Amino acid sequence: MHQFSRKVILTYAFLYQIVNIKLQCMGMEELKTDNIKSSIRYNYFNAHEWGNNYSECYGNRQSPINIDLSQIYPDDQGVNLTFHGYDVIPKEMKLLNNGQKVNLNVEWVDFAPFVTIASSNYIFDSLHFHWGINDSDGSEHTFNYTSFPLEMHLVHYSDKYESFEKALNQSDGLLVIGTVFQINEGEKSDISPLAESILLIKNKSNSTTVEPFPLSTFKFTTEHGYYIYNGSVTRPLCWENVLWILSTQILSVTKEEMQCFRSIELLNNEKFNHRPIQSLNNRKIIYIP
């Protein structure tokens, strides 16, 4: 995947304009918290039918998408992407199986890490994982239609709003950093700080504490390029209020660790939790080197 890090250059202004388009999802004001969103019943076996019950899932700015590396637009606006506090060790970490995904919740001593892009700050809220039934399938985003066994999402919310809950239904409320994992035949991987803990949350609603480690363990730095596009939450209600940042850095996971993920009990007896790719619909994918 050497094409993964190719440097191309185009416009962010168009993207920024899209990010600020107002959402028009019926019923959006009625659901305020991620807990309420998580209580919505849906399954991945019929993900193509989500829009029948949640109309925004049939929207024009849905996620995930395929990243066509021949159709990338360069950033000609000199947009800076910076990470703050990612090297700070948190006060507490807890890993949870909520029946839909593996979620890592974090408490901080002083302030949560945040990302700055285009003079806007987005505060870290939590991270979670998506996987598939084998080592050639599982990531939500694909690159030149190549899938990976695991994808991690770091969810952030705009500091213009008082909390994650209040940012949920705002058109510019969320930013999600995504990175994919490929199989490493060795004994150590980039997921190793969580490997043993995953074994302890096999059953739905199980949780366990994790020895705290900095988010920089997952190699989020300005040394690597990023693809940016405007999209949505990848599960119902599929709100189209997410600025997606996808790392060109591919992390590693072992076959044994992937077996741990696949042993997780999910709702509806599902064996995977990734949504199929959605149509790009004339959106632009911007590259920031």
C-alpha atoms as a PDB file:
ATOM      1  CA  MET A   1       0.000   0.000   0.000  1.00  0.00           C
ATOM      2  CA  HIS A   2       2.778   2.445  -0.800  1.00  0.00           C
ATOM      3  CA  GLN A   3       0.125   4.509  -2.624  1.00  0.00           C
ATOM      4  CA  PHE A   4      -1.438   5.058   0.797  1.00  0.00           C
ATOM      5  CA  SER A   5       0.925   7.906   1.590  1.00  0.00           C
ATOM      6  CA  ARG A   6       1.132   9.555  -1.826  1.00  0.00           C
ATOM      7  CA  LYS A   7       1.243  13.319  -1.570  1.00  0.00           C
ATOM      8  CA  VAL A   8      -1.243  15.206  -3.632  1.00  0.00           C
ATOM      9  CA  ILE A   9      -2.376  18.777  -3.117  1.00  0.00           C
ATOM     10  CA  LEU A  10      -5.988  20.441  -3.345  1.00  0.00           C
ATOM     11  CA  THR A  11      -8.634  22.696  -1.644  1.00  0.00           C
ATOM     12  CA  TYR A  12      -9.956  22.678   1.887  1.00  0.00           C
ATOM     13  CA  ALA A  13     -12.236  25.655   1.439  1.00  0.00           C
ATOM     14  CA  PHE A  14     -14.812  23.535  -0.381  1.00  0.00           C
ATOM     15  CA  LEU A  15     -14.697  20.932   2.383  1.00  0.00           C
ATOM     16  CA  TYR A  16     -15.067  23.529   5.112  1.00  0.00           C
ATOM     17  CA  GLN A  17     -18.127  24.921   3.375  1.00  0.00           C
ATOM     18  CA  ILE A  18     -19.692  21.463   3.249  1.00  0.00           C
ATOM     19  CA  VAL A  19     -18.951  20.847   6.931  1.00  0.00           C
ATOM     20  CA  ASN A  20     -21.127  23.829   7.845  1.00  0.00           C
ATOM     21  CA  ILE A  21     -24.185  22.785   5.863  1.00  0.00           C
ATOM     22  CA  LYS A  22     -27.185  22.552   8.197  1.00  0.00           C
ATOM     23  CA  LEU A  23     -28.549  19.087   8.913  1.00  0.00           C
ATOM     24  CA  GLN A  24     -32.177  18.432   8.120  1.00  0.00           C
ATOM     25  CA  CYS A  25     -32.842  15.123   9.805  1.00  0.00           C
ATOM     26  CA  MET A  26     -36.380  14.704  11.109  1.00  0.00           C
ATOM     27  CA  GLY A  27     -36.520  13.880  14.773  1.00  0.00           C
ATOM     28  CA  MET A  28     -32.948  14.948  15.336  1.00  0.00           C
ATOM     29  CA  GLU A  29     -33.815  17.292  18.195  1.00  0.00           C
ATOM     30  CA  GLU A  30     -35.444  14.474  20.120  1.00  0.00           C
ATOM     31  CA  LEU A  31     -32.266  12.449  20.615  1.00  0.00           C
ATOM     32  CA  LYS A  32     -29.579  14.174  22.619  1.00  0.00           C
ATOM     33  CA  THR A  33     -27.164  11.617  24.044  1.00  0.00           C
ATOM     34  CA  ASP A  34     -24.989   8.778  22.868  1.00  0.00           C
ATOM     35  CA  ASN A  35     -26.691   6.553  25.449  1.00  0.00           C
ATOM     36  CA  ILE A  36     -30.014   7.136  23.692  1.00  0.00           C
ATOM     37  CA  LYS A  37     -28.394   6.512  20.324  1.00  0.00           C
ATOM     38  CA  SER A  38     -26.884   3.270  21.605  1.00  0.00           C
ATOM     39  CA  SER A  39     -30.302   2.068  22.733  1.00  0.00           C
ATOM     40  CA  ILE A  40     -31.606   2.184  19.164  1.00  0.00           C
ATOM     41  CA  ARG A  41     -32.010  -1.348  17.883  1.00  0.00           C
ATOM     42  CA  TYR A  42     -30.460  -2.154  14.534  1.00  0.00           C
ATOM     43  CA  ASN A  43     -28.256  -4.869  13.099  1.00  0.00           C
ATOM     44  CA  TYR A  44     -25.516  -5.147  10.513  1.00  0.00           C
ATOM     45  CA  PHE A  45     -27.108  -8.027   8.621  1.00  0.00           C
ATOM     46  CA  ASN A  46     -29.568  -5.595   7.056  1.00  0.00           C
ATOM     47  CA  ALA A  47     -27.460  -2.423   7.104  1.00  0.00           C
ATOM     48  CA  HIS A  48     -28.616  -1.607   3.563  1.00  0.00           C
ATOM     49  CA  GLU A  49     -32.153  -1.203   4.961  1.00  0.00           C
ATOM     50  CA  TRP A  50     -31.361   1.165   7.858  1.00  0.00           C
ATOM     51  CA  GLY A  51     -32.838   4.069   5.930  1.00  0.00           C
ATOM     52  CA  ASN A  52     -36.282   2.462   6.062  1.00  0.00           C
ATOM     53  CA  ASN A  53     -36.426   3.262   9.780  1.00  0.00           C
ATOM     54  CA  TYR A  54     -33.851   6.044  10.050  1.00  0.00           C
ATOM     55  CA  SER A  55     -34.246   8.288   7.008  1.00  0.00           C
ATOM     56  CA  GLU A  56     -30.887  10.022   7.274  1.00  0.00           C
ATOM     57  CA  CYS A  57     -29.161   6.679   6.611  1.00  0.00           C
ATOM     58  CA  TYR A  58     -30.250   7.220   2.981  1.00  0.00           C
ATOM     59  CA  GLY A  59     -28.605  10.657   2.924  1.00  0.00           C
ATOM     60  CA  ASN A  60     -26.057  11.936   0.413  1.00  0.00           C
ATOM     61  CA  ARG A  61     -23.152  12.349   2.849  1.00  0.00           C
ATOM     62  CA  GLN A  62     -22.992   8.944   4.464  1.00  0.00           C
ATOM     63  CA  SER A  63     -20.011   7.053   5.870  1.00  0.00           C
ATOM     64  CA  PRO A  64     -17.962   4.954   5.514  1.00  0.00           C
ATOM     65  CA  ILE A  65     -16.656   5.377   1.966  1.00  0.00           C
ATOM     66  CA  ASN A  66     -13.982   3.968  -0.295  1.00  0.00           C
ATOM     67  CA  ILE A  67     -10.899   6.178  -0.552  1.00  0.00           C
ATOM     68  CA  ASP A  68      -9.988   6.179  -4.237  1.00  0.00           C
ATOM     69  CA  LEU A  69      -6.333   7.208  -4.178  1.00  0.00           C
ATOM     70  CA  SER A  70      -6.558   8.423  -7.785  1.00  0.00           C
ATOM     71  CA  GLN A  71      -9.310  10.877  -6.841  1.00  0.00           C
ATOM     72  CA  ILE A  72      -7.708  12.728  -3.943  1.00  0.00           C
ATOM     73  CA  TYR A  73      -7.706  16.532  -3.822  1.00  0.00           C
ATOM     74  CA  PRO A  74      -4.716  18.368  -2.381  1.00  0.00           C
ATOM     75  CA  ASP A  75      -4.916  20.936   0.399  1.00  0.00           C
ATOM     76  CA  ASP A  76      -3.964  24.251  -1.189  1.00  0.00           C
ATOM     77  CA  GLN A  77      -5.045  26.272   1.835  1.00  0.00           C
ATOM     78  CA  GLY A  78      -2.197  25.196   4.113  1.00  0.00           C
ATOM     79  CA  VAL A  79      -4.509  23.628   6.668  1.00  0.00           C
ATOM     80  CA  ASN A  80      -2.747  22.667   9.884  1.00  0.00           C
ATOM     81  CA  LEU A  81      -3.677  19.548  11.824  1.00  0.00           C
ATOM     82  CA  THR A  82      -2.224  19.437  15.333  1.00  0.00           C
ATOM     83  CA  PHE A  83      -2.620  17.075  18.282  1.00  0.00           C
ATOM     84  CA  HIS A  84      -2.648  18.350  21.870  1.00  0.00           C
ATOM     85  CA  GLY A  85      -2.284  16.160  24.964  1.00  0.00           C
ATOM     86  CA  TYR A  86      -2.102  12.873  23.087  1.00  0.00           C
ATOM     87  CA  ASP A  87       1.083  11.985  24.973  1.00  0.00           C
ATOM     88  CA  VAL A  88      -0.520  12.491  28.412  1.00  0.00           C
ATOM     89  CA  ILE A  89      -1.199   9.388  30.501  1.00  0.00           C
ATOM     90  CA  PRO A  90      -4.873   9.470  31.592  1.00  0.00           C
ATOM     91  CA  LYS A  91      -6.205   8.971  35.102  1.00  0.00           C
ATOM     92  CA  GLU A  92      -8.305   5.923  34.211  1.00  0.00           C
ATOM     93  CA  MET A  93      -9.238   3.744  31.249  1.00  0.00           C
ATOM     94  CA  LYS A  94     -12.126   1.320  31.008  1.00  0.00           C
ATOM     95  CA  LEU A  95     -12.856  -1.105  28.168  1.00  0.00           C
ATOM     96  CA  LEU A  96     -16.517  -1.969  27.539  1.00  0.00           C
ATOM     97  CA  ASN A  97     -18.433  -4.408  25.350  1.00  0.00           C
ATOM     98  CA  ASN A  98     -21.744  -2.619  24.783  1.00  0.00           C
ATOM     99  CA  GLY A  99     -23.062  -5.285  22.429  1.00  0.00           C
ATOM    100  CA  GLN A 100     -22.364  -3.184  19.352  1.00  0.00           C
ATOM    101  CA  LYS A 101     -18.643  -2.482  19.613  1.00  0.00           C
ATOM    102  CA  VAL A 102     -15.648  -2.465  21.934  1.00  0.00           C
ATOM    103  CA  ASN A 103     -15.461   0.982  23.476  1.00  0.00           C
ATOM    104  CA  LEU A 104     -12.575   2.556  25.426  1.00  0.00           C
ATOM    105  CA  ASN A 105     -13.714   5.263  27.854  1.00  0.00           C
ATOM    106  CA  VAL A 106     -11.111   7.525  29.415  1.00  0.00           C
ATOM    107  CA  GLU A 107     -10.893   9.893  32.386  1.00  0.00           C
ATOM    108  CA  TRP A 108      -8.250  12.607  32.516  1.00  0.00           C
ATOM    109  CA  VAL A 109      -6.484  14.310  35.412  1.00  0.00           C
ATOM    110  CA  ASP A 110      -6.717  17.838  34.006  1.00  0.00           C
ATOM    111  CA  PHE A 111      -8.079  18.126  30.471  1.00  0.00           C
ATOM    112  CA  ALA A 112      -8.851  15.739  27.639  1.00  0.00           C
ATOM    113  CA  PRO A 113      -6.636  15.685  24.535  1.00  0.00           C
ATOM    114  CA  PHE A 114      -7.904  17.673  21.579  1.00  0.00           C
ATOM    115  CA  VAL A 115      -7.255  18.154  17.879  1.00  0.00           C
ATOM    116  CA  THR A 116      -6.961  21.508  16.131  1.00  0.00           C
ATOM    117  CA  ILE A 117      -7.850  21.808  12.453  1.00  0.00           C
ATOM    118  CA  ALA A 118      -8.632  24.967  10.488  1.00  0.00           C
ATOM    119  CA  SER A 119      -8.546  26.959  13.761  1.00  0.00           C
ATOM    120  CA  SER A 120     -11.249  24.748  15.291  1.00  0.00           C
ATOM    121  CA  ASN A 121     -10.722  22.542  18.340  1.00  0.00           C
ATOM    122  CA  TYR A 122     -12.263  19.105  18.829  1.00  0.00           C
ATOM    123  CA  ILE A 123     -12.076  17.412  22.232  1.00  0.00           C
ATOM    124  CA  PHE A 124     -11.467  13.666  22.572  1.00  0.00           C
ATOM    125  CA  ASP A 125     -14.463  11.729  23.921  1.00  0.00           C
ATOM    126  CA  SER A 126     -13.811   7.988  23.438  1.00  0.00           C
ATOM    127  CA  LEU A 127     -12.544   5.415  20.966  1.00  0.00           C
ATOM    128  CA  HIS A 128     -13.988   2.177  19.609  1.00  0.00           C
ATOM    129  CA  PHE A 129     -13.327  -0.616  17.106  1.00  0.00           C
ATOM    130  CA  HIS A 130     -14.982  -2.247  14.089  1.00  0.00           C
ATOM    131  CA  TRP A 131     -14.054  -5.689  12.748  1.00  0.00           C
ATOM    132  CA  GLY A 132     -15.178  -8.456  10.405  1.00  0.00           C
ATOM    133  CA  ILE A 133     -15.390 -12.220  10.139  1.00  0.00           C
ATOM    134  CA  ASN A 134     -11.893 -12.788   8.697  1.00  0.00           C
ATOM    135  CA  ASP A 135      -8.548 -11.081   8.161  1.00  0.00           C
ATOM    136  CA  SER A 136      -9.497  -9.670   4.753  1.00  0.00           C
ATOM    137  CA  ASP A 137     -12.671  -7.939   5.911  1.00  0.00           C
ATOM    138  CA  GLY A 138     -13.629  -5.700   8.817  1.00  0.00           C
ATOM    139  CA  SER A 139     -12.614  -2.086   8.314  1.00  0.00           C
ATOM    140  CA  GLU A 140     -15.422   0.340   7.610  1.00  0.00           C
ATOM    141  CA  HIS A 141     -13.408   2.466   5.195  1.00  0.00           C
ATOM    142  CA  THR A 142     -11.605   0.860   2.280  1.00  0.00           C
ATOM    143  CA  PHE A 143      -8.653   2.154   0.275  1.00  0.00           C
ATOM    144  CA  ASN A 144      -8.805   1.424  -3.441  1.00  0.00           C
ATOM    145  CA  TYR A 145     -11.469  -1.087  -2.364  1.00  0.00           C
ATOM    146  CA  THR A 146      -8.979  -2.902  -0.138  1.00  0.00           C
ATOM    147  CA  SER A 147     -10.416  -3.790   3.255  1.00  0.00           C
ATOM    148  CA  PHE A 148      -8.522  -4.400   6.496  1.00  0.00           C
ATOM    149  CA  PRO A 149      -9.385  -6.657   9.465  1.00  0.00           C
ATOM    150  CA  LEU A 150      -9.804  -3.848  12.011  1.00  0.00           C
ATOM    151  CA  GLU A 151     -10.575  -0.129  12.151  1.00  0.00           C
ATOM    152  CA  MET A 152     -10.339   2.181  15.154  1.00  0.00           C
ATOM    153  CA  HIS A 153     -12.312   5.412  15.566  1.00  0.00           C
ATOM    154  CA  LEU A 154     -11.330   8.200  17.951  1.00  0.00           C
ATOM    155  CA  VAL A 155     -14.440  10.298  18.514  1.00  0.00           C
ATOM    156  CA  HIS A 156     -14.116  14.038  19.239  1.00  0.00           C
ATOM    157  CA  TYR A 157     -16.605  16.876  19.686  1.00  0.00           C
ATOM    158  CA  SER A 158     -16.311  20.583  18.926  1.00  0.00           C
ATOM    159  CA  ASP A 159     -15.297  22.784  21.861  1.00  0.00           C
ATOM    160  CA  LYS A 160     -17.939  25.266  20.699  1.00  0.00           C
ATOM    161  CA  TYR A 161     -20.376  23.095  22.635  1.00  0.00           C
ATOM    162  CA  GLU A 162     -20.350  22.369  26.351  1.00  0.00           C
ATOM    163  CA  SER A 163     -20.336  18.594  26.049  1.00  0.00           C
ATOM    164  CA  PHE A 164     -20.331  15.663  23.660  1.00  0.00           C
ATOM    165  CA  GLU A 165     -24.080  15.279  24.199  1.00  0.00           C
ATOM    166  CA  LYS A 166     -24.766  18.881  23.167  1.00  0.00           C
ATOM    167  CA  ALA A 167     -22.530  18.554  20.106  1.00  0.00           C
ATOM    168  CA  LEU A 168     -24.275  15.430  18.800  1.00  0.00           C
ATOM    169  CA  ASN A 169     -27.006  17.181  16.846  1.00  0.00           C
ATOM    170  CA  GLN A 170     -24.941  20.128  15.612  1.00  0.00           C
ATOM    171  CA  SER A 171     -23.946  20.294  11.949  1.00  0.00           C
ATOM    172  CA  ASP A 172     -20.272  20.770  12.868  1.00  0.00           C
ATOM    173  CA  GLY A 173     -20.420  18.860  16.144  1.00  0.00           C
ATOM    174  CA  LEU A 174     -18.192  15.831  15.596  1.00  0.00           C
ATOM    175  CA  LEU A 175     -14.763  14.888  14.325  1.00  0.00           C
ATOM    176  CA  VAL A 176     -13.662  11.257  14.068  1.00  0.00           C
ATOM    177  CA  ILE A 177     -10.102  10.109  13.467  1.00  0.00           C
ATOM    178  CA  GLY A 178      -9.942   6.677  11.874  1.00  0.00           C
ATOM    179  CA  THR A 179      -7.068   4.289  11.294  1.00  0.00           C
ATOM    180  CA  VAL A 180      -6.939   0.746   9.956  1.00  0.00           C
ATOM    181  CA  PHE A 181      -4.908  -2.255  11.113  1.00  0.00           C
ATOM    182  CA  GLN A 182      -3.172  -4.942   9.101  1.00  0.00           C
ATOM    183  CA  ILE A 183      -2.021  -8.360  10.301  1.00  0.00           C
ATOM    184  CA  ASN A 184       1.416  -8.534  11.888  1.00  0.00           C
ATOM    185  CA  GLU A 185       2.819 -12.049  12.016  1.00  0.00           C
ATOM    186  CA  GLY A 186       4.978 -11.170  15.035  1.00  0.00           C
ATOM    187  CA  GLU A 187       4.084 -11.361  18.710  1.00  0.00           C
ATOM    188  CA  LYS A 188       3.741  -7.626  19.359  1.00  0.00           C
ATOM    189  CA  SER A 189       1.378  -5.159  17.747  1.00  0.00           C
ATOM    190  CA  ASP A 190      -0.029  -1.653  18.104  1.00  0.00           C
ATOM    191  CA  ILE A 191      -3.099  -3.045  19.877  1.00  0.00           C
ATOM    192  CA  SER A 192      -1.074  -4.884  22.523  1.00  0.00           C
ATOM    193  CA  PRO A 193      -1.946  -2.475  25.408  1.00  0.00           C
ATOM    194  CA  LEU A 194      -5.555  -3.680  25.097  1.00  0.00           C
ATOM    195  CA  ALA A 195      -5.034  -7.318  24.086  1.00  0.00           C
ATOM    196  CA  GLU A 196      -5.428  -8.962  27.490  1.00  0.00           C
ATOM    197  CA  SER A 197      -8.349  -6.710  28.437  1.00  0.00           C
ATOM    198  CA  ILE A 198     -10.336  -7.702  25.348  1.00  0.00           C
ATOM    199  CA  LEU A 199     -10.386 -11.278  26.627  1.00  0.00           C
ATOM    200  CA  LEU A 200     -12.162 -10.060  29.776  1.00  0.00           C
ATOM    201  CA  ILE A 201     -15.131  -8.429  28.017  1.00  0.00           C
ATOM    202  CA  LYS A 202     -16.344 -11.281  25.846  1.00  0.00           C
ATOM    203  CA  ASN A 203     -19.882 -11.142  27.231  1.00  0.00           C
ATOM    204  CA  LYS A 204     -22.228  -8.272  26.416  1.00  0.00           C
ATOM    205  CA  SER A 205     -22.157  -5.382  28.912  1.00  0.00           C
ATOM    206  CA  ASN A 206     -18.900  -6.601  30.455  1.00  0.00           C
ATOM    207  CA  SER A 207     -16.249  -4.008  31.254  1.00  0.00           C
ATOM    208  CA  THR A 208     -12.759  -3.984  32.737  1.00  0.00           C
ATOM    209  CA  THR A 209     -10.192  -1.405  33.755  1.00  0.00           C
ATOM    210  CA  VAL A 210      -7.094  -0.976  31.618  1.00  0.00           C
ATOM    211  CA  GLU A 211      -3.626   0.131  32.690  1.00  0.00           C
ATOM    212  CA  PRO A 212      -3.630   3.750  31.444  1.00  0.00           C
ATOM    213  CA  PHE A 213      -1.490   4.632  28.430  1.00  0.00           C
ATOM    214  CA  PRO A 214      -1.273   7.759  26.247  1.00  0.00           C
ATOM    215  CA  LEU A 215      -3.262   7.944  23.013  1.00  0.00           C
ATOM    216  CA  SER A 216       0.008   8.658  21.206  1.00  0.00           C
ATOM    217  CA  THR A 217       0.618   4.907  21.579  1.00  0.00           C
ATOM    218  CA  PHE A 218      -1.543   4.618  18.463  1.00  0.00           C
ATOM    219  CA  LYS A 219       0.960   6.811  16.576  1.00  0.00           C
ATOM    220  CA  PHE A 220      -1.235   9.811  15.910  1.00  0.00           C
ATOM    221  CA  THR A 221       1.234  12.552  15.014  1.00  0.00           C
ATOM    222  CA  THR A 222       1.715  15.200  12.364  1.00  0.00           C
ATOM    223  CA  GLU A 223       4.440  13.034  10.817  1.00  0.00           C
ATOM    224  CA  HIS A 224       1.839  11.111   8.831  1.00  0.00           C
ATOM    225  CA  GLY A 225      -0.559  12.313   6.165  1.00  0.00           C
ATOM    226  CA  TYR A 226      -4.332  12.356   6.579  1.00  0.00           C
ATOM    227  CA  TYR A 227      -7.341  12.145   4.292  1.00  0.00           C
ATOM    228  CA  ILE A 228     -10.287  14.370   5.187  1.00  0.00           C
ATOM    229  CA  TYR A 229     -13.887  14.294   4.032  1.00  0.00           C
ATOM    230  CA  ASN A 230     -17.321  15.287   5.272  1.00  0.00           C
ATOM    231  CA  GLY A 231     -19.547  12.383   6.284  1.00  0.00           C
ATOM    232  CA  SER A 232     -21.733  10.783   8.905  1.00  0.00           C
ATOM    233  CA  VAL A 233     -21.931   8.589  11.964  1.00  0.00           C
ATOM    234  CA  THR A 234     -21.671   4.994  10.692  1.00  0.00           C
ATOM    235  CA  ARG A 235     -24.673   3.643  12.588  1.00  0.00           C
ATOM    236  CA  PRO A 236     -28.247   4.834  13.065  1.00  0.00           C
ATOM    237  CA  LEU A 237     -29.253   7.594  13.200  1.00  0.00           C
ATOM    238  CA  CYS A 238     -26.471   8.145  10.638  1.00  0.00           C
ATOM    239  CA  TRP A 239     -26.232  11.870  11.412  1.00  0.00           C
ATOM    240  CA  GLU A 240     -24.340  13.761   8.710  1.00  0.00           C
ATOM    241  CA  ASN A 241     -22.299  15.915  11.074  1.00  0.00           C
ATOM    242  CA  VAL A 242     -18.881  14.242  11.122  1.00  0.00           C
ATOM    243  CA  LEU A 243     -15.603  15.635   9.833  1.00  0.00           C
ATOM    244  CA  TRP A 244     -13.655  12.451   9.082  1.00  0.00           C
ATOM    245  CA  ILE A 245      -9.843  12.339   9.341  1.00  0.00           C
ATOM    246  CA  LEU A 246      -8.322   9.075   8.110  1.00  0.00           C
ATOM    247  CA  SER A 247      -4.679   8.361   8.810  1.00  0.00           C
ATOM    248  CA  THR A 248      -2.366   7.096   6.083  1.00  0.00           C
ATOM    249  CA  GLN A 249      -0.501   5.246   8.835  1.00  0.00           C
ATOM    250  CA  ILE A 250      -1.503   1.568   8.943  1.00  0.00           C
ATOM    251  CA  LEU A 251      -1.204   0.054  12.429  1.00  0.00           C
ATOM    252  CA  SER A 252      -0.619  -3.604  13.265  1.00  0.00           C
ATOM    253  CA  VAL A 253      -2.641  -6.334  14.944  1.00  0.00           C
ATOM    254  CA  THR A 254      -1.854 -10.034  15.327  1.00  0.00           C
ATOM    255  CA  LYS A 255      -4.019 -12.932  14.185  1.00  0.00           C
ATOM    256  CA  GLU A 256      -4.478 -13.938  17.827  1.00  0.00           C
ATOM    257  CA  GLU A 257      -5.684 -10.458  18.758  1.00  0.00           C
ATOM    258  CA  MET A 258      -8.182 -10.498  15.901  1.00  0.00           C
ATOM    259  CA  GLN A 259      -9.492 -13.809  17.210  1.00  0.00           C
ATOM    260  CA  CYS A 260     -10.066 -12.033  20.536  1.00  0.00           C
ATOM    261  CA  PHE A 261     -12.158  -9.372  18.800  1.00  0.00           C
ATOM    262  CA  ARG A 262     -14.160 -12.034  16.953  1.00  0.00           C
ATOM    263  CA  SER A 263     -14.894 -13.812  20.231  1.00  0.00           C
ATOM    264  CA  ILE A 264     -16.777 -10.722  21.455  1.00  0.00           C
ATOM    265  CA  GLU A 265     -20.499 -11.393  21.873  1.00  0.00           C
ATOM    266  CA  LEU A 266     -22.543  -8.843  19.944  1.00  0.00           C
ATOM    267  CA  LEU A 267     -26.266  -8.167  19.808  1.00  0.00           C
ATOM    268  CA  ASN A 268     -28.345 -10.261  17.399  1.00  0.00           C
ATOM    269  CA  ASN A 269     -25.582 -12.919  17.480  1.00  0.00           C
ATOM    270  CA  GLU A 270     -23.694 -10.896  14.898  1.00  0.00           C
ATOM    271  CA  LYS A 271     -20.106 -11.749  14.021  1.00  0.00           C
ATOM    272  CA  PHE A 272     -19.110  -8.350  12.628  1.00  0.00           C
ATOM    273  CA  ASN A 273     -19.914  -4.684  13.225  1.00  0.00           C
ATOM    274  CA  HIS A 274     -18.850  -2.747  10.152  1.00  0.00           C
ATOM    275  CA  ARG A 275     -21.169  -0.882   7.797  1.00  0.00           C
ATOM    276  CA  PRO A 276     -20.791  -1.338   4.013  1.00  0.00           C
ATOM    277  CA  ILE A 277     -19.190   1.524   2.102  1.00  0.00           C
ATOM    278  CA  GLN A 278     -21.515   4.297   0.922  1.00  0.00           C
ATOM    279  CA  SER A 279     -21.606   6.388  -2.260  1.00  0.00           C
ATOM    280  CA  LEU A 280     -19.272   9.386  -2.358  1.00  0.00           C
ATOM    281  CA  ASN A 281     -21.898  11.522  -4.145  1.00  0.00           C
ATOM    282  CA  ASN A 282     -19.574  14.241  -5.459  1.00  0.00           C
ATOM    283  CA  ARG A 283     -17.879  14.858  -2.135  1.00  0.00           C
ATOM    284  CA  LYS A 284     -14.202  15.722  -2.170  1.00  0.00           C
ATOM    285  CA  ILE A 285     -11.515  13.854  -0.248  1.00  0.00           C
ATOM    286  CA  ILE A 286      -8.741  16.225   0.807  1.00  0.00           C
ATOM    287  CA  TYR A 287      -5.175  15.174   1.578  1.00  0.00           C
ATOM    288  CA  ILE A 288      -3.177  16.923   4.311  1.00  0.00           C
ATOM    289  CA  PRO A 289       0.509  15.923   4.218  1.00  0.00           C
END
